[in-house]
N, C-alpha and C. Protein backbone atom coordinates (compact mmCIF):
# COMPACT_ATOMS: atom_id res chain seq x y z
N UNK A 1 0.83 -1.17 0.00
CA UNK A 1 0.00 0.00 0.00
C UNK A 1 0.89 1.25 0.00
N UNK A 2 0.56 2.23 -0.83
CA UNK A 2 1.37 3.45 -0.89
C UNK A 2 1.28 4.27 0.40
N UNK A 3 2.33 5.04 0.62
CA UNK A 3 2.35 5.94 1.78
C UNK A 3 2.16 7.37 1.28
N UNK A 4 1.39 8.13 2.05
CA UNK A 4 1.13 9.53 1.70
C UNK A 4 1.39 10.40 2.92
N UNK A 5 1.96 11.56 2.67
CA UNK A 5 2.18 12.54 3.73
C UNK A 5 1.05 13.56 3.69
N UNK A 6 0.52 13.88 4.85
CA UNK A 6 -0.56 14.86 4.97
C UNK A 6 -0.20 15.91 6.02
N UNK A 7 -0.83 17.08 5.88
CA UNK A 7 -0.73 18.13 6.89
C UNK A 7 -2.15 18.57 7.23
N UNK A 8 -2.40 18.70 8.53
CA UNK A 8 -3.71 19.13 9.00
C UNK A 8 -3.74 20.66 9.03
N UNK A 9 -4.75 21.30 8.42
CA UNK A 9 -4.83 22.76 8.44
C UNK A 9 -5.19 23.31 9.83
N UNK A 10 -5.71 22.48 10.69
CA UNK A 10 -6.12 22.91 12.02
C UNK A 10 -4.94 22.92 12.99
N UNK A 11 -4.26 21.77 13.14
CA UNK A 11 -3.17 21.68 14.12
C UNK A 11 -1.78 21.80 13.48
N UNK A 12 -1.72 21.87 12.14
CA UNK A 12 -0.47 22.03 11.38
C UNK A 12 0.53 20.88 11.58
N UNK A 13 0.06 19.74 12.02
CA UNK A 13 0.94 18.59 12.21
C UNK A 13 0.97 17.78 10.92
N UNK A 14 2.17 17.35 10.54
CA UNK A 14 2.34 16.49 9.37
C UNK A 14 2.41 15.05 9.84
N UNK A 15 1.79 14.17 9.08
CA UNK A 15 1.81 12.75 9.43
C UNK A 15 1.75 11.90 8.17
N UNK A 16 2.09 10.64 8.35
CA UNK A 16 2.14 9.68 7.27
C UNK A 16 0.93 8.76 7.36
N UNK A 17 0.31 8.47 6.23
CA UNK A 17 -0.84 7.56 6.20
C UNK A 17 -0.64 6.57 5.05
N UNK A 18 -1.11 5.36 5.25
CA UNK A 18 -1.06 4.33 4.21
C UNK A 18 -2.48 4.01 3.78
N UNK A 19 -2.72 4.11 2.50
CA UNK A 19 -4.01 3.74 1.94
C UNK A 19 -3.88 3.57 0.45
N UNK A 20 -4.90 3.03 -0.19
CA UNK A 20 -4.83 2.82 -1.64
C UNK A 20 -4.87 4.17 -2.35
N UNK A 21 -4.45 4.15 -3.60
CA UNK A 21 -4.31 5.40 -4.36
C UNK A 21 -5.66 6.06 -4.67
N UNK A 22 -6.76 5.31 -4.66
CA UNK A 22 -8.05 5.92 -4.97
C UNK A 22 -8.78 6.43 -3.73
N UNK A 23 -8.20 6.26 -2.55
CA UNK A 23 -8.81 6.77 -1.32
C UNK A 23 -8.20 8.12 -0.96
N UNK A 24 -8.91 8.89 -0.15
CA UNK A 24 -8.38 10.13 0.40
C UNK A 24 -8.64 10.15 1.90
N UNK A 25 -7.77 10.80 2.61
CA UNK A 25 -7.90 10.89 4.05
C UNK A 25 -8.62 12.19 4.38
N UNK A 26 -9.63 12.14 5.23
CA UNK A 26 -10.41 13.34 5.52
C UNK A 26 -10.51 13.64 7.00
N UNK A 27 -9.73 12.91 7.82
CA UNK A 27 -9.77 13.19 9.26
C UNK A 27 -8.35 13.13 9.81
N UNK A 28 -7.99 14.15 10.60
CA UNK A 28 -6.67 14.21 11.20
C UNK A 28 -6.54 13.14 12.28
N UNK A 29 -5.45 12.39 12.21
CA UNK A 29 -5.20 11.34 13.20
C UNK A 29 -4.85 11.93 14.56
N UNK A 30 -4.34 13.16 14.59
CA UNK A 30 -3.86 13.75 15.84
C UNK A 30 -4.95 14.53 16.58
N UNK A 31 -5.60 15.47 15.87
CA UNK A 31 -6.57 16.34 16.57
C UNK A 31 -8.02 16.00 16.26
N UNK A 32 -8.24 15.11 15.28
CA UNK A 32 -9.60 14.71 14.94
C UNK A 32 -10.31 15.67 13.99
N UNK A 33 -9.60 16.66 13.44
CA UNK A 33 -10.17 17.60 12.49
C UNK A 33 -10.81 16.83 11.34
N UNK A 34 -12.03 17.19 11.00
CA UNK A 34 -12.73 16.53 9.92
C UNK A 34 -12.91 17.54 8.79
N UNK A 35 -12.32 17.28 7.66
CA UNK A 35 -12.38 18.17 6.51
C UNK A 35 -11.26 17.83 5.56
N UNK A 36 -10.94 18.74 4.67
CA UNK A 36 -9.89 18.48 3.70
C UNK A 36 -8.51 18.63 4.33
N UNK A 37 -7.78 17.55 4.31
CA UNK A 37 -6.38 17.59 4.75
C UNK A 37 -5.53 17.90 3.53
N UNK A 38 -4.37 18.46 3.77
CA UNK A 38 -3.48 18.85 2.69
C UNK A 38 -2.55 17.67 2.39
N UNK A 39 -2.64 17.16 1.17
CA UNK A 39 -1.77 16.06 0.75
C UNK A 39 -0.45 16.67 0.28
N UNK A 40 0.64 16.27 0.89
CA UNK A 40 1.95 16.83 0.57
C UNK A 40 2.63 16.01 -0.51
N UNK A 41 3.48 16.67 -1.27
CA UNK A 41 4.26 15.99 -2.28
C UNK A 41 5.46 15.36 -1.58
N UNK A 42 5.69 14.11 -1.87
CA UNK A 42 6.83 13.42 -1.27
C UNK A 42 7.59 12.68 -2.36
N UNK A 43 8.85 12.41 -2.10
CA UNK A 43 9.62 11.69 -3.11
C UNK A 43 9.23 10.21 -3.08
N UNK A 44 9.22 9.58 -4.22
CA UNK A 44 8.82 8.17 -4.27
C UNK A 44 9.88 7.29 -3.62
N UNK A 45 9.43 6.19 -3.08
CA UNK A 45 10.38 5.23 -2.50
C UNK A 45 10.65 4.14 -3.53
N UNK A 46 11.85 3.64 -3.53
CA UNK A 46 12.23 2.59 -4.45
C UNK A 46 13.36 1.78 -3.84
N UNK A 47 13.57 0.62 -4.39
CA UNK A 47 14.63 -0.25 -3.89
C UNK A 47 15.83 -0.18 -4.83
N UNK A 48 17.00 -0.15 -4.26
CA UNK A 48 18.24 -0.14 -5.04
C UNK A 48 18.82 -1.55 -4.99
N UNK A 49 19.19 -2.05 -6.15
CA UNK A 49 19.79 -3.38 -6.20
C UNK A 49 21.11 -3.36 -5.46
N UNK A 50 21.38 -4.44 -4.78
CA UNK A 50 22.66 -4.57 -4.09
C UNK A 50 23.76 -4.80 -5.12
N UNK A 51 24.93 -4.30 -4.82
CA UNK A 51 26.05 -4.48 -5.75
C UNK A 51 26.41 -5.95 -5.91
N UNK A 52 26.17 -6.76 -4.88
CA UNK A 52 26.46 -8.19 -4.98
C UNK A 52 25.66 -8.81 -6.12
N UNK A 53 24.38 -8.44 -6.21
CA UNK A 53 23.54 -8.97 -7.28
C UNK A 53 24.08 -8.55 -8.64
N UNK A 54 24.53 -7.31 -8.73
CA UNK A 54 25.05 -6.82 -10.00
C UNK A 54 26.33 -7.55 -10.37
N UNK A 55 27.16 -7.85 -9.38
CA UNK A 55 28.38 -8.60 -9.66
C UNK A 55 28.05 -10.00 -10.15
N UNK A 56 27.06 -10.63 -9.54
CA UNK A 56 26.67 -11.98 -9.95
C UNK A 56 26.20 -11.98 -11.40
N UNK A 57 25.40 -10.98 -11.76
CA UNK A 57 24.92 -10.90 -13.14
C UNK A 57 26.09 -10.67 -14.08
N UNK A 58 27.01 -9.80 -13.69
CA UNK A 58 28.19 -9.55 -14.51
C UNK A 58 29.05 -10.79 -14.66
N UNK A 59 29.21 -11.53 -13.57
CA UNK A 59 30.00 -12.76 -13.62
C UNK A 59 29.34 -13.80 -14.51
N UNK A 60 28.02 -13.91 -14.42
CA UNK A 60 27.30 -14.86 -15.27
C UNK A 60 27.43 -14.48 -16.73
N UNK A 61 27.36 -13.19 -17.02
CA UNK A 61 27.49 -12.72 -18.40
C UNK A 61 28.88 -13.03 -18.93
N UNK A 62 29.90 -12.73 -18.13
CA UNK A 62 31.28 -13.02 -18.55
C UNK A 62 31.48 -14.51 -18.79
N UNK A 63 30.92 -15.33 -17.91
CA UNK A 63 31.04 -16.78 -18.04
C UNK A 63 30.37 -17.25 -19.34
N UNK A 64 29.18 -16.73 -19.62
CA UNK A 64 28.45 -17.09 -20.84
C UNK A 64 29.26 -16.70 -22.08
N UNK A 65 29.82 -15.50 -22.07
CA UNK A 65 30.61 -15.03 -23.22
C UNK A 65 31.83 -15.91 -23.43
N UNK A 66 32.53 -16.24 -22.35
CA UNK A 66 33.73 -17.07 -22.46
C UNK A 66 33.37 -18.47 -22.97
N UNK A 67 32.29 -19.05 -22.46
CA UNK A 67 31.86 -20.37 -22.93
C UNK A 67 31.49 -20.32 -24.42
N UNK A 68 30.84 -19.24 -24.83
CA UNK A 68 30.46 -19.09 -26.25
C UNK A 68 31.70 -18.96 -27.12
N UNK A 69 32.70 -18.24 -26.66
CA UNK A 69 33.95 -18.11 -27.42
C UNK A 69 34.61 -19.47 -27.61
N UNK A 70 34.66 -20.24 -26.51
CA UNK A 70 35.29 -21.55 -26.57
C UNK A 70 34.54 -22.47 -27.55
N UNK A 71 33.22 -22.40 -27.50
CA UNK A 71 32.40 -23.22 -28.39
C UNK A 71 32.62 -22.81 -29.84
N UNK A 72 32.70 -21.52 -30.11
CA UNK A 72 32.94 -21.04 -31.48
C UNK A 72 34.32 -21.48 -31.98
N UNK A 73 35.34 -21.41 -31.11
CA UNK A 73 36.67 -21.86 -31.50
C UNK A 73 36.65 -23.33 -31.87
N UNK A 74 35.94 -24.13 -31.08
CA UNK A 74 35.85 -25.57 -31.34
C UNK A 74 35.15 -25.83 -32.67
N UNK A 75 34.07 -25.11 -32.93
CA UNK A 75 33.34 -25.28 -34.19
C UNK A 75 34.21 -24.86 -35.37
N UNK A 76 35.00 -23.81 -35.21
CA UNK A 76 35.88 -23.35 -36.28
C UNK A 76 36.95 -24.40 -36.60
N UNK A 77 37.49 -25.02 -35.54
CA UNK A 77 38.48 -26.07 -35.75
C UNK A 77 37.88 -27.23 -36.51
N UNK A 78 36.66 -27.62 -36.14
CA UNK A 78 35.99 -28.74 -36.80
C UNK A 78 35.72 -28.43 -38.28
N UNK A 79 35.32 -27.19 -38.56
CA UNK A 79 35.08 -26.80 -39.95
C UNK A 79 36.37 -26.85 -40.77
N UNK A 80 37.45 -26.39 -40.18
CA UNK A 80 38.75 -26.41 -40.89
C UNK A 80 39.23 -27.83 -41.13
N UNK A 81 38.94 -28.77 -40.23
CA UNK A 81 39.33 -30.17 -40.42
C UNK A 81 38.58 -30.80 -41.58
N UNK A 82 37.32 -30.41 -41.75
CA UNK A 82 36.47 -31.02 -42.78
C UNK A 82 36.77 -30.47 -44.17
N UNK A 83 37.57 -29.46 -44.30
CA UNK A 83 37.87 -28.87 -45.61
C UNK A 83 38.96 -29.59 -46.30
């Protein structure tokens, strides 16, 4: 569920609320004000891949490339033998 930051126009307290994107919050959790709360703009949250995962992917890619090179060399040798 997404997190949203709100500010109450009555008590001026900012707080965090979790709800679906099609809902709106209309009551202050702190003072009980009932009305339009101010939805604040906040930066989105996201996950950053760990460098370990990136190294693993890089290592797998290097391994695949090296295996492909070896296989191509072997196929080239076989083609030259058949000529």
